[in-house]
């Protein structure tokens, strides 16, 4: 059953008439999926291990500058709107929570605006790199780039930290995919299930936050 599902997905992707390398690059660019899904899927679609690694790494790494330059400022603007503010607030609170955990102890109680830009920069860069390298919901390149922005790393240092972490993550996925090549379909299916669960959890938390906001008295909600 799993083999049939994966084969159907692969054939559906090939039916788009897009080049395989472009498909893998685009899939790897997506949050949650990134190189964790793009690399084994690339191997399944006929790319060599090296090609799958290169295109999944490049695709996922492209998100770093885009998130820092555009996505985080967009979240800031969304937070000021009534219709989308609760969504932006969820992501801001989640990423800021990660940022506080990664920040050095003597700065962990400071809010985003008060965090010094230059203090402990090497430690923050290392923390972001490790954060990106380790798999988990809302980690990876998208989460790491958001955290780098909240830690007030410069654009260059933020991108370098995230890309280095992604390099480590992609190599680990490469080794894992190569070692379990005979079970590639099961690996891809497991990653798809984990991605779906992560998305469902995020949606549930956002909806929960929306209903909590609606149930709050107006005087409290304004605070």
N, C-alpha and C. Protein backbone atom coordinates (compact mmCIF):
# COMPACT_ATOMS: atom_id res chain seq x y z
N UNK A 1 0.83 -1.20 0.00
CA UNK A 1 0.00 0.00 0.00
C UNK A 1 0.87 1.27 0.00
N UNK A 2 1.88 1.26 0.85
CA UNK A 2 2.78 2.41 0.93
C UNK A 2 3.53 2.59 -0.38
N UNK A 3 3.98 1.47 -0.97
CA UNK A 3 4.70 1.53 -2.24
C UNK A 3 3.81 2.13 -3.34
N UNK A 4 2.55 1.72 -3.35
CA UNK A 4 1.61 2.24 -4.36
C UNK A 4 1.40 3.73 -4.18
N UNK A 5 1.28 4.16 -2.93
CA UNK A 5 1.07 5.58 -2.65
C UNK A 5 2.27 6.41 -3.09
N UNK A 6 3.47 5.96 -2.75
CA UNK A 6 4.69 6.70 -3.12
C UNK A 6 4.87 6.72 -4.63
N UNK A 7 4.62 5.58 -5.27
CA UNK A 7 4.73 5.51 -6.74
C UNK A 7 3.73 6.45 -7.40
N UNK A 8 2.51 6.52 -6.85
CA UNK A 8 1.49 7.42 -7.39
C UNK A 8 1.94 8.88 -7.24
N UNK A 9 2.50 9.21 -6.09
CA UNK A 9 2.97 10.57 -5.85
C UNK A 9 4.10 10.94 -6.81
N UNK A 10 5.03 10.01 -6.99
CA UNK A 10 6.16 10.27 -7.89
C UNK A 10 5.67 10.46 -9.32
N UNK A 11 4.76 9.61 -9.77
CA UNK A 11 4.24 9.72 -11.13
C UNK A 11 3.45 11.02 -11.31
N UNK A 12 2.75 11.42 -10.27
CA UNK A 12 1.98 12.67 -10.32
C UNK A 12 2.92 13.87 -10.46
N UNK A 13 4.03 13.84 -9.75
CA UNK A 13 5.01 14.92 -9.83
C UNK A 13 5.67 14.95 -11.21
N UNK A 14 5.96 13.77 -11.74
CA UNK A 14 6.57 13.70 -13.07
C UNK A 14 5.60 14.15 -14.15
N UNK A 15 4.31 13.97 -13.90
CA UNK A 15 3.28 14.35 -14.88
C UNK A 15 3.19 15.87 -15.05
N UNK A 16 3.80 16.62 -14.15
CA UNK A 16 3.79 18.08 -14.27
C UNK A 16 4.70 18.56 -15.40
N UNK A 17 5.53 17.63 -15.92
CA UNK A 17 6.47 17.92 -17.01
C UNK A 17 7.56 18.91 -16.60
N UNK A 18 7.70 19.11 -15.31
CA UNK A 18 8.80 19.93 -14.81
C UNK A 18 10.04 19.05 -14.67
N UNK A 19 11.20 19.66 -14.77
CA UNK A 19 12.44 18.91 -14.58
C UNK A 19 12.49 18.39 -13.15
N UNK A 20 13.03 17.19 -12.99
CA UNK A 20 13.10 16.58 -11.67
C UNK A 20 13.88 17.44 -10.70
N UNK A 21 14.98 18.03 -11.17
CA UNK A 21 15.81 18.85 -10.29
C UNK A 21 15.04 20.08 -9.79
N UNK A 22 14.15 20.62 -10.65
CA UNK A 22 13.36 21.78 -10.27
C UNK A 22 12.29 21.40 -9.25
N UNK A 23 11.67 20.24 -9.46
CA UNK A 23 10.66 19.75 -8.52
C UNK A 23 11.26 19.59 -7.12
N UNK A 24 12.44 18.96 -7.06
CA UNK A 24 13.09 18.72 -5.78
C UNK A 24 13.53 20.04 -5.14
N UNK A 25 14.00 20.97 -5.96
CA UNK A 25 14.40 22.27 -5.43
C UNK A 25 13.22 23.00 -4.82
N UNK A 26 12.07 22.96 -5.50
CA UNK A 26 10.87 23.65 -5.01
C UNK A 26 10.31 22.99 -3.76
N UNK A 27 10.28 21.65 -3.74
CA UNK A 27 9.78 20.93 -2.57
C UNK A 27 10.68 21.20 -1.36
N UNK A 28 11.97 21.22 -1.59
CA UNK A 28 12.93 21.47 -0.50
C UNK A 28 12.84 22.89 0.02
N UNK A 29 12.33 23.80 -0.80
CA UNK A 29 12.16 25.19 -0.38
C UNK A 29 11.02 25.34 0.62
N UNK A 30 10.06 24.42 0.58
CA UNK A 30 8.87 24.52 1.42
C UNK A 30 9.20 24.31 2.90
N UNK A 31 8.54 25.07 3.78
CA UNK A 31 8.75 24.86 5.21
C UNK A 31 8.30 23.46 5.62
N UNK A 32 8.90 22.93 6.65
CA UNK A 32 8.65 21.58 7.19
C UNK A 32 9.25 20.51 6.29
N UNK A 33 8.99 20.58 4.98
CA UNK A 33 9.55 19.58 4.05
C UNK A 33 11.07 19.73 3.97
N UNK A 34 11.53 20.82 3.40
CA UNK A 34 12.95 21.14 3.27
C UNK A 34 13.74 19.95 2.71
N UNK A 35 15.03 19.86 3.06
CA UNK A 35 15.85 18.79 2.51
C UNK A 35 15.50 17.44 3.12
N UNK A 36 14.84 17.45 4.27
CA UNK A 36 14.47 16.21 4.94
C UNK A 36 13.56 15.36 4.08
N UNK A 37 12.69 16.00 3.32
CA UNK A 37 11.81 15.28 2.41
C UNK A 37 12.35 15.34 0.98
N UNK A 38 12.91 16.48 0.60
CA UNK A 38 13.36 16.66 -0.77
C UNK A 38 14.46 15.69 -1.19
N UNK A 39 15.40 15.42 -0.29
CA UNK A 39 16.54 14.56 -0.65
C UNK A 39 16.12 13.12 -0.94
N UNK A 40 15.44 12.43 -0.01
CA UNK A 40 15.03 11.06 -0.33
C UNK A 40 14.04 10.99 -1.49
N UNK A 41 13.21 12.01 -1.63
CA UNK A 41 12.27 12.02 -2.75
C UNK A 41 13.01 12.18 -4.07
N UNK A 42 14.07 12.98 -4.06
CA UNK A 42 14.88 13.14 -5.27
C UNK A 42 15.51 11.85 -5.70
N UNK A 43 16.01 11.07 -4.74
CA UNK A 43 16.60 9.75 -5.05
C UNK A 43 15.52 8.84 -5.63
N UNK A 44 14.34 8.88 -5.03
CA UNK A 44 13.23 8.05 -5.50
C UNK A 44 12.82 8.41 -6.92
N UNK A 45 12.95 9.70 -7.27
CA UNK A 45 12.53 10.16 -8.61
C UNK A 45 13.61 9.97 -9.67
N UNK A 46 14.73 9.37 -9.29
CA UNK A 46 15.73 9.01 -10.29
C UNK A 46 17.01 9.82 -10.28
N UNK A 47 17.10 10.82 -9.41
CA UNK A 47 18.35 11.58 -9.33
C UNK A 47 19.41 10.75 -8.62
N UNK A 48 20.66 11.00 -8.93
CA UNK A 48 21.73 10.35 -8.18
C UNK A 48 21.73 10.90 -6.76
N UNK A 49 22.38 10.20 -5.86
CA UNK A 49 22.43 10.65 -4.47
C UNK A 49 23.03 12.05 -4.37
N UNK A 50 24.10 12.29 -5.14
CA UNK A 50 24.76 13.59 -5.14
C UNK A 50 23.84 14.68 -5.68
N UNK A 51 23.16 14.39 -6.78
CA UNK A 51 22.24 15.38 -7.37
C UNK A 51 21.10 15.70 -6.41
N UNK A 52 20.54 14.66 -5.80
CA UNK A 52 19.44 14.87 -4.86
C UNK A 52 19.90 15.73 -3.69
N UNK A 53 21.12 15.49 -3.21
CA UNK A 53 21.65 16.28 -2.10
C UNK A 53 21.86 17.74 -2.50
N UNK A 54 22.46 17.96 -3.66
CA UNK A 54 22.75 19.32 -4.12
C UNK A 54 21.47 20.14 -4.28
N UNK A 55 20.49 19.59 -5.01
CA UNK A 55 19.28 20.35 -5.29
C UNK A 55 18.42 20.55 -4.04
N UNK A 56 18.38 19.55 -3.15
CA UNK A 56 17.60 19.71 -1.92
C UNK A 56 18.28 20.71 -0.98
N UNK A 57 19.61 20.69 -0.96
CA UNK A 57 20.35 21.64 -0.12
C UNK A 57 20.18 23.06 -0.62
N UNK A 58 20.32 23.25 -1.92
CA UNK A 58 20.17 24.58 -2.52
C UNK A 58 18.75 25.09 -2.33
N UNK A 59 17.76 24.24 -2.61
CA UNK A 59 16.37 24.65 -2.48
C UNK A 59 16.00 25.07 -1.08
N UNK A 60 16.40 24.27 -0.10
CA UNK A 60 16.08 24.60 1.29
C UNK A 60 16.86 25.81 1.79
N UNK A 61 18.10 25.96 1.32
CA UNK A 61 18.93 27.09 1.76
C UNK A 61 18.41 28.42 1.22
N UNK A 62 17.73 28.39 0.08
CA UNK A 62 17.20 29.62 -0.52
C UNK A 62 16.19 30.31 0.39
N UNK A 63 15.58 29.53 1.28
CA UNK A 63 14.57 30.11 2.16
C UNK A 63 15.18 31.07 3.19
N UNK A 64 16.44 30.85 3.55
CA UNK A 64 17.07 31.64 4.62
C UNK A 64 17.03 33.15 4.35
N UNK A 65 17.57 33.65 3.23
CA UNK A 65 17.52 35.09 3.00
C UNK A 65 16.10 35.62 2.81
N UNK A 66 15.23 34.80 2.23
CA UNK A 66 13.85 35.23 1.99
C UNK A 66 13.10 35.41 3.31
N UNK A 67 13.29 34.47 4.23
CA UNK A 67 12.63 34.57 5.53
C UNK A 67 13.11 35.79 6.30
N UNK A 68 14.42 36.00 6.32
CA UNK A 68 15.00 37.12 7.08
C UNK A 68 14.59 38.47 6.48
N UNK A 69 14.61 38.56 5.15
CA UNK A 69 14.33 39.84 4.49
C UNK A 69 12.84 40.16 4.35
N UNK A 70 12.04 39.11 4.11
CA UNK A 70 10.64 39.37 3.77
C UNK A 70 9.63 38.75 4.73
N UNK A 71 9.84 37.48 5.13
CA UNK A 71 8.83 36.77 5.92
C UNK A 71 8.66 37.38 7.30
N UNK A 72 9.77 37.65 7.99
CA UNK A 72 9.66 38.21 9.34
C UNK A 72 9.05 39.62 9.34
N UNK A 73 9.45 40.50 8.42
CA UNK A 73 8.77 41.81 8.35
C UNK A 73 7.29 41.66 8.02
N UNK A 74 6.96 40.67 7.18
CA UNK A 74 5.56 40.42 6.83
C UNK A 74 4.77 39.99 8.06
N UNK A 75 5.37 39.14 8.91
CA UNK A 75 4.70 38.73 10.15
C UNK A 75 4.42 39.94 11.03
N UNK A 76 5.39 40.87 11.05
CA UNK A 76 5.21 42.09 11.85
C UNK A 76 4.03 42.90 11.37
N UNK A 77 3.85 43.00 10.07
CA UNK A 77 2.72 43.75 9.52
C UNK A 77 1.41 43.00 9.73
N UNK A 78 1.46 41.65 9.59
CA UNK A 78 0.26 40.84 9.81
C UNK A 78 -0.23 40.95 11.25
N UNK A 79 0.71 41.08 12.18
CA UNK A 79 0.35 41.14 13.61
C UNK A 79 -0.50 42.38 13.92
N UNK A 80 -0.42 43.39 13.08
CA UNK A 80 -1.16 44.63 13.30
C UNK A 80 -2.56 44.60 12.70
N UNK A 81 -2.85 43.53 11.95
CA UNK A 81 -4.18 43.42 11.33
C UNK A 81 -5.12 42.63 12.22
N UNK A 82 -6.41 42.87 12.07
CA UNK A 82 -7.41 42.17 12.87
C UNK A 82 -7.67 40.76 12.34
N UNK A 83 -7.64 40.62 11.02
CA UNK A 83 -8.00 39.33 10.42
C UNK A 83 -6.90 38.28 10.52
N UNK A 84 -5.63 38.71 10.41
CA UNK A 84 -4.51 37.76 10.40
C UNK A 84 -3.58 37.91 11.60
N UNK A 85 -3.93 38.81 12.49
CA UNK A 85 -3.06 39.07 13.64
C UNK A 85 -2.82 37.87 14.52
N UNK A 86 -3.85 37.03 14.71
CA UNK A 86 -3.71 35.87 15.59
C UNK A 86 -2.74 34.83 15.00
N UNK A 87 -2.68 34.75 13.66
CA UNK A 87 -1.74 33.83 13.01
C UNK A 87 -0.32 34.32 13.20
N UNK A 88 -0.11 35.59 12.95
CA UNK A 88 1.22 36.18 13.11
C UNK A 88 1.68 36.08 14.56
N UNK A 89 0.73 36.28 15.49
CA UNK A 89 1.08 36.24 16.91
C UNK A 89 1.55 34.85 17.30
N UNK A 90 0.91 33.82 16.77
CA UNK A 90 1.30 32.44 17.09
C UNK A 90 2.74 32.18 16.66
N UNK A 91 3.06 32.53 15.41
CA UNK A 91 4.41 32.28 14.91
C UNK A 91 5.44 33.15 15.62
N UNK A 92 5.09 34.41 15.88
CA UNK A 92 6.02 35.29 16.59
C UNK A 92 6.33 34.75 17.99
N UNK A 93 5.29 34.31 18.70
CA UNK A 93 5.49 33.79 20.05
C UNK A 93 6.30 32.49 20.03
N UNK A 94 6.03 31.64 19.03
CA UNK A 94 6.74 30.36 18.92
C UNK A 94 8.22 30.58 18.63
N UNK A 95 8.49 31.43 17.62
CA UNK A 95 9.88 31.68 17.25
C UNK A 95 10.62 32.44 18.35
N UNK A 96 9.92 33.37 19.01
CA UNK A 96 10.57 34.13 20.07
C UNK A 96 10.88 33.22 21.26
N UNK A 97 10.04 32.23 21.50
CA UNK A 97 10.29 31.26 22.57
C UNK A 97 11.57 30.48 22.28
N UNK A 98 11.73 30.07 21.01
CA UNK A 98 12.95 29.37 20.60
C UNK A 98 14.17 30.29 20.75
N UNK A 99 13.99 31.54 20.37
CA UNK A 99 15.09 32.50 20.43
C UNK A 99 15.56 32.70 21.86
N UNK A 100 14.62 32.80 22.79
CA UNK A 100 14.97 32.99 24.20
C UNK A 100 15.72 31.79 24.75
N UNK A 101 15.32 30.59 24.30
CA UNK A 101 15.99 29.38 24.77
C UNK A 101 17.42 29.29 24.24
N UNK A 102 17.62 29.78 23.02
CA UNK A 102 18.93 29.71 22.40
C UNK A 102 19.86 30.83 22.86
N UNK A 103 19.27 31.95 23.29
CA UNK A 103 20.08 33.10 23.67
C UNK A 103 20.87 32.79 24.94
N UNK A 104 21.98 33.52 25.14
CA UNK A 104 22.79 33.28 26.33
C UNK A 104 22.02 33.65 27.58
N UNK A 105 22.34 32.99 28.70
CA UNK A 105 21.55 33.06 29.92
C UNK A 105 21.36 34.47 30.45
N UNK A 106 22.39 35.30 30.35
CA UNK A 106 22.28 36.63 30.92
C UNK A 106 21.39 37.56 30.09
N UNK A 107 20.94 37.07 28.91
CA UNK A 107 20.07 37.89 28.08
C UNK A 107 18.68 37.27 27.89
N UNK A 108 18.45 36.11 28.51
CA UNK A 108 17.24 35.36 28.17
C UNK A 108 15.94 36.05 28.59
N UNK A 109 16.03 36.96 29.55
CA UNK A 109 14.81 37.63 30.00
C UNK A 109 14.50 38.92 29.23
N UNK A 110 15.38 39.27 28.29
CA UNK A 110 15.13 40.48 27.52
C UNK A 110 14.19 40.18 26.37
N UNK A 111 13.36 41.16 26.02
CA UNK A 111 12.48 40.96 24.88
C UNK A 111 13.26 41.21 23.59
N UNK A 112 12.59 40.97 22.47
CA UNK A 112 13.26 41.03 21.16
C UNK A 112 13.90 42.39 20.91
N UNK A 113 13.16 43.47 21.21
CA UNK A 113 13.66 44.80 20.90
C UNK A 113 14.88 45.18 21.73
N UNK A 114 15.01 44.61 22.94
CA UNK A 114 16.10 44.98 23.83
C UNK A 114 17.33 44.11 23.69
N UNK A 115 17.28 43.07 22.88
CA UNK A 115 18.45 42.22 22.74
C UNK A 115 19.57 42.96 22.03
N UNK A 116 20.76 43.02 22.61
CA UNK A 116 21.87 43.68 21.94
C UNK A 116 22.22 42.97 20.64
N UNK A 117 22.61 43.75 19.63
CA UNK A 117 22.92 43.16 18.33
C UNK A 117 24.25 42.41 18.34
N UNK A 118 25.25 42.97 19.03
CA UNK A 118 26.60 42.45 18.89
C UNK A 118 27.01 41.47 19.99
N UNK A 119 26.39 41.55 21.15
CA UNK A 119 26.83 40.76 22.28
C UNK A 119 26.61 39.26 22.04
N UNK A 120 27.67 38.48 22.30
CA UNK A 120 27.60 37.02 22.18
C UNK A 120 27.19 36.57 20.78
N UNK A 121 27.56 37.31 19.76
CA UNK A 121 27.19 36.94 18.39
C UNK A 121 27.67 35.55 18.00
N UNK A 122 28.94 35.17 18.29
CA UNK A 122 29.39 33.82 17.93
C UNK A 122 28.55 32.73 18.59
N UNK A 123 28.17 32.94 19.86
CA UNK A 123 27.34 31.95 20.55
C UNK A 123 25.97 31.85 19.90
N UNK A 124 25.44 32.98 19.53
CA UNK A 124 24.12 32.98 18.90
C UNK A 124 24.17 32.31 17.53
N UNK A 125 25.23 32.57 16.78
CA UNK A 125 25.39 31.93 15.47
C UNK A 125 25.49 30.42 15.62
N UNK A 126 26.26 29.96 16.61
CA UNK A 126 26.41 28.53 16.85
C UNK A 126 25.07 27.92 17.28
N UNK A 127 24.34 28.65 18.13
CA UNK A 127 23.04 28.16 18.60
C UNK A 127 22.06 28.00 17.44
N UNK A 128 22.05 28.99 16.54
CA UNK A 128 21.17 28.92 15.37
C UNK A 128 21.56 27.76 14.46
N UNK A 129 22.86 27.57 14.27
CA UNK A 129 23.35 26.48 13.42
C UNK A 129 22.89 25.13 13.97
N UNK A 130 23.03 24.93 15.27
CA UNK A 130 22.60 23.68 15.90
C UNK A 130 21.09 23.52 15.81
N UNK A 131 20.37 24.62 16.01
CA UNK A 131 18.91 24.62 15.95
C UNK A 131 18.43 24.15 14.58
N UNK A 132 19.08 24.62 13.52
CA UNK A 132 18.70 24.25 12.16
C UNK A 132 19.08 22.80 11.86
N UNK A 133 20.23 22.38 12.37
CA UNK A 133 20.74 21.04 12.07
C UNK A 133 19.89 19.93 12.67
N UNK A 134 19.29 20.20 13.83
CA UNK A 134 18.50 19.17 14.51
C UNK A 134 17.06 19.17 13.99
N UNK A 135 16.54 18.00 13.61
CA UNK A 135 15.17 17.93 13.07
C UNK A 135 14.13 18.15 14.14
N UNK A 136 13.02 18.78 13.75
CA UNK A 136 11.93 19.01 14.68
C UNK A 136 10.92 19.97 14.07
N UNK A 137 9.71 20.03 14.62
CA UNK A 137 8.69 20.96 14.10
C UNK A 137 9.15 22.41 14.23
N UNK A 138 9.01 23.16 13.16
CA UNK A 138 9.36 24.58 13.12
C UNK A 138 10.84 24.84 13.38
N UNK A 139 11.67 23.81 13.21
CA UNK A 139 13.12 24.07 13.22
C UNK A 139 13.52 24.17 11.75
N UNK A 140 14.66 23.64 11.37
CA UNK A 140 15.06 23.71 9.98
C UNK A 140 15.37 25.13 9.54
N UNK A 141 15.42 25.35 8.24
CA UNK A 141 15.82 26.64 7.68
C UNK A 141 14.82 27.74 8.00
N UNK A 142 13.53 27.48 7.80
CA UNK A 142 12.52 28.51 8.04
C UNK A 142 12.52 28.95 9.51
N UNK A 143 12.47 27.99 10.41
CA UNK A 143 12.47 28.32 11.82
C UNK A 143 13.78 28.95 12.26
N UNK A 144 14.90 28.42 11.74
CA UNK A 144 16.21 28.95 12.10
C UNK A 144 16.41 30.37 11.62
N UNK A 145 15.93 30.67 10.42
CA UNK A 145 16.07 32.03 9.88
C UNK A 145 15.23 33.02 10.70
N UNK A 146 14.04 32.56 11.11
CA UNK A 146 13.17 33.41 11.95
C UNK A 146 13.84 33.69 13.29
N UNK A 147 14.41 32.65 13.88
CA UNK A 147 15.10 32.80 15.17
C UNK A 147 16.32 33.70 15.03
N UNK A 148 17.07 33.53 13.94
CA UNK A 148 18.25 34.39 13.70
C UNK A 148 17.84 35.85 13.62
N UNK A 149 16.69 36.11 13.00
CA UNK A 149 16.19 37.47 12.89
C UNK A 149 15.81 38.02 14.26
N UNK A 150 15.16 37.20 15.09
CA UNK A 150 14.74 37.63 16.42
C UNK A 150 15.93 37.81 17.36
N UNK A 151 17.00 37.08 17.11
CA UNK A 151 18.22 37.24 17.91
C UNK A 151 19.04 38.43 17.44
N UNK A 152 18.51 39.11 16.40
CA UNK A 152 19.11 40.33 15.86
C UNK A 152 20.51 40.09 15.28
N UNK A 153 20.71 38.91 14.71
CA UNK A 153 21.94 38.68 13.96
C UNK A 153 21.85 39.48 12.67
N UNK A 154 22.97 39.94 12.17
CA UNK A 154 22.96 40.67 10.90
C UNK A 154 22.50 39.73 9.79
N UNK A 155 22.10 40.29 8.68
CA UNK A 155 21.61 39.47 7.57
C UNK A 155 22.65 38.43 7.16
N UNK A 156 23.89 38.86 6.98
CA UNK A 156 24.95 37.95 6.53
C UNK A 156 25.21 36.85 7.55
N UNK A 157 25.36 37.23 8.81
CA UNK A 157 25.64 36.23 9.85
C UNK A 157 24.46 35.30 10.07
N UNK A 158 23.26 35.84 9.92
CA UNK A 158 22.07 35.00 10.06
C UNK A 158 22.00 33.95 8.96
N UNK A 159 22.24 34.37 7.72
CA UNK A 159 22.20 33.45 6.59
C UNK A 159 23.31 32.40 6.72
N UNK A 160 24.50 32.84 7.09
CA UNK A 160 25.63 31.90 7.24
C UNK A 160 25.31 30.84 8.30
N UNK A 161 24.77 31.27 9.42
CA UNK A 161 24.43 30.34 10.51
C UNK A 161 23.40 29.31 10.06
N UNK A 162 22.38 29.80 9.37
CA UNK A 162 21.30 28.92 8.92
C UNK A 162 21.80 27.95 7.86
N UNK A 163 22.56 28.44 6.90
CA UNK A 163 23.06 27.59 5.81
C UNK A 163 24.02 26.52 6.34
N UNK A 164 24.86 26.89 7.30
CA UNK A 164 25.76 25.90 7.91
C UNK A 164 24.96 24.80 8.62
N UNK A 165 23.92 25.21 9.34
CA UNK A 165 23.07 24.23 9.99
C UNK A 165 22.37 23.34 8.98
N UNK A 166 21.93 23.94 7.89
CA UNK A 166 21.26 23.17 6.84
C UNK A 166 22.23 22.21 6.16
N UNK A 167 23.48 22.62 6.05
CA UNK A 167 24.51 21.74 5.47
C UNK A 167 24.66 20.49 6.33
N UNK A 168 24.73 20.68 7.64
CA UNK A 168 24.84 19.54 8.55
C UNK A 168 23.61 18.64 8.45
N UNK A 169 22.43 19.29 8.45
CA UNK A 169 21.17 18.53 8.37
C UNK A 169 21.09 17.73 7.08
N UNK A 170 21.47 18.36 5.96
CA UNK A 170 21.37 17.68 4.66
C UNK A 170 22.34 16.50 4.57
N UNK A 171 23.52 16.64 5.16
CA UNK A 171 24.49 15.54 5.17
C UNK A 171 23.96 14.37 6.00
N UNK A 172 23.34 14.69 7.15
CA UNK A 172 22.76 13.64 7.99
C UNK A 172 21.64 12.91 7.25
N UNK A 173 20.80 13.69 6.55
CA UNK A 173 19.72 13.08 5.76
C UNK A 173 20.30 12.24 4.62
N UNK A 174 21.37 12.73 4.02
CA UNK A 174 22.04 12.00 2.94
C UNK A 174 22.53 10.65 3.43
N UNK A 175 23.22 10.64 4.58
CA UNK A 175 23.74 9.39 5.15
C UNK A 175 22.59 8.44 5.50
N UNK A 176 21.56 9.01 6.11
CA UNK A 176 20.40 8.22 6.52
C UNK A 176 19.69 7.62 5.31
N UNK A 177 19.50 8.42 4.26
CA UNK A 177 18.81 7.95 3.05
C UNK A 177 19.62 6.89 2.34
N UNK A 178 20.93 7.07 2.32
CA UNK A 178 21.80 6.10 1.65
C UNK A 178 21.84 4.78 2.41
N UNK A 179 21.86 4.89 3.74
CA UNK A 179 21.94 3.68 4.59
C UNK A 179 20.65 2.88 4.51
N UNK A 180 19.52 3.59 4.45
CA UNK A 180 18.22 2.92 4.41
C UNK A 180 17.61 2.99 3.01
N UNK A 181 18.46 2.93 2.01
CA UNK A 181 18.00 3.04 0.62
C UNK A 181 16.96 1.99 0.26
N UNK A 182 17.11 0.80 0.82
CA UNK A 182 16.18 -0.29 0.52
C UNK A 182 14.79 -0.01 1.09
N UNK A 183 14.71 0.91 2.06
CA UNK A 183 13.43 1.23 2.69
C UNK A 183 13.03 2.67 2.40
N UNK A 184 13.43 3.17 1.23
CA UNK A 184 13.23 4.57 0.89
C UNK A 184 11.75 4.96 0.87
N UNK A 185 10.90 4.07 0.37
CA UNK A 185 9.47 4.36 0.33
C UNK A 185 8.91 4.58 1.74
N UNK A 186 9.33 3.73 2.66
CA UNK A 186 8.86 3.85 4.04
C UNK A 186 9.39 5.14 4.68
N UNK A 187 10.61 5.49 4.34
CA UNK A 187 11.21 6.72 4.88
C UNK A 187 10.45 7.95 4.39
N UNK A 188 10.17 7.99 3.09
CA UNK A 188 9.43 9.11 2.51
C UNK A 188 8.03 9.19 3.11
N UNK A 189 7.38 8.04 3.24
CA UNK A 189 6.02 8.01 3.79
C UNK A 189 6.02 8.50 5.24
N UNK A 190 7.01 8.06 6.02
CA UNK A 190 7.11 8.49 7.42
C UNK A 190 7.30 10.00 7.51
N UNK A 191 8.14 10.55 6.63
CA UNK A 191 8.39 11.99 6.62
C UNK A 191 7.13 12.76 6.22
N UNK A 192 6.36 12.22 5.28
CA UNK A 192 5.11 12.85 4.88
C UNK A 192 4.11 12.86 6.03
N UNK A 193 4.04 11.74 6.75
CA UNK A 193 3.13 11.65 7.90
C UNK A 193 3.53 12.64 8.99
N UNK A 194 4.83 12.72 9.27
CA UNK A 194 5.31 13.66 10.28
C UNK A 194 5.04 15.11 9.87
N UNK A 195 5.21 15.39 8.58
CA UNK A 195 4.94 16.74 8.07
C UNK A 195 3.45 17.07 8.22
N UNK A 196 2.59 16.09 7.89
CA UNK A 196 1.15 16.30 8.01
C UNK A 196 0.74 16.52 9.46
N UNK A 197 1.33 15.74 10.37
CA UNK A 197 1.02 15.89 11.80
C UNK A 197 1.46 17.27 12.30
N UNK A 198 2.64 17.70 11.86
CA UNK A 198 3.16 19.02 12.26
C UNK A 198 2.22 20.13 11.80
N UNK A 199 1.75 20.03 10.56
CA UNK A 199 0.85 21.04 10.00
C UNK A 199 -0.47 21.05 10.77
N UNK A 200 -1.00 19.86 11.09
CA UNK A 200 -2.26 19.76 11.83
C UNK A 200 -2.11 20.38 13.22
N UNK A 201 -0.99 20.09 13.88
CA UNK A 201 -0.75 20.64 15.22
C UNK A 201 -0.69 22.17 15.17
N UNK A 202 0.00 22.70 14.16
CA UNK A 202 0.10 24.15 14.01
C UNK A 202 -1.27 24.77 13.78
N UNK A 203 -2.06 24.15 12.91
CA UNK A 203 -3.41 24.67 12.61
C UNK A 203 -4.28 24.64 13.86
N UNK A 204 -4.21 23.54 14.60
CA UNK A 204 -5.01 23.40 15.83
C UNK A 204 -4.63 24.49 16.84
N UNK A 205 -3.33 24.74 16.99
CA UNK A 205 -2.87 25.76 17.94
C UNK A 205 -3.32 27.16 17.51
N UNK A 206 -3.26 27.42 16.20
CA UNK A 206 -3.69 28.72 15.70
C UNK A 206 -5.19 28.92 15.91
N UNK A 207 -5.98 27.89 15.59
CA UNK A 207 -7.43 27.96 15.77
C UNK A 207 -7.77 28.11 17.25
N UNK A 208 -7.04 27.38 18.09
CA UNK A 208 -7.25 27.47 19.54
C UNK A 208 -7.00 28.89 20.03
N UNK A 209 -5.92 29.49 19.51
CA UNK A 209 -5.59 30.86 19.90
C UNK A 209 -6.68 31.84 19.44
N UNK A 210 -7.26 31.57 18.26
CA UNK A 210 -8.33 32.42 17.74
C UNK A 210 -9.56 32.36 18.64
N UNK A 211 -9.94 31.13 19.06
CA UNK A 211 -11.14 30.98 19.89
C UNK A 211 -10.91 31.54 21.29
N UNK A 212 -9.70 31.41 21.80
CA UNK A 212 -9.39 31.98 23.11
C UNK A 212 -9.53 33.50 23.06
N UNK A 213 -9.05 34.06 21.93
CA UNK A 213 -9.15 35.51 21.75
C UNK A 213 -10.60 35.96 21.69
N UNK A 214 -11.44 35.15 21.02
CA UNK A 214 -12.85 35.52 20.89
C UNK A 214 -13.58 35.41 22.23
N UNK A 215 -13.18 34.44 23.05
CA UNK A 215 -13.84 34.21 24.33
C UNK A 215 -13.43 35.20 25.40
N UNK A 216 -12.30 35.90 25.17
CA UNK A 216 -11.80 36.87 26.15
C UNK A 216 -12.67 38.11 26.18
N UNK A 217 -12.87 38.72 27.35
CA UNK A 217 -13.58 40.00 27.42
C UNK A 217 -12.80 41.05 26.63
N UNK A 218 -13.49 42.03 26.07
CA UNK A 218 -12.85 43.04 25.23
C UNK A 218 -11.77 43.77 25.98
N UNK A 219 -12.00 44.12 27.25
CA UNK A 219 -11.02 44.86 28.03
C UNK A 219 -9.74 44.09 28.21
N UNK A 220 -9.83 42.75 28.38
CA UNK A 220 -8.65 41.91 28.54
C UNK A 220 -7.95 41.72 27.23
N UNK A 221 -8.72 41.48 26.15
CA UNK A 221 -8.14 41.25 24.82
C UNK A 221 -7.30 42.41 24.37
N UNK A 222 -7.74 43.65 24.74
CA UNK A 222 -6.97 44.83 24.30
C UNK A 222 -5.63 44.90 24.97
N UNK A 223 -5.52 44.38 26.18
CA UNK A 223 -4.26 44.39 26.89
C UNK A 223 -3.27 43.47 26.21
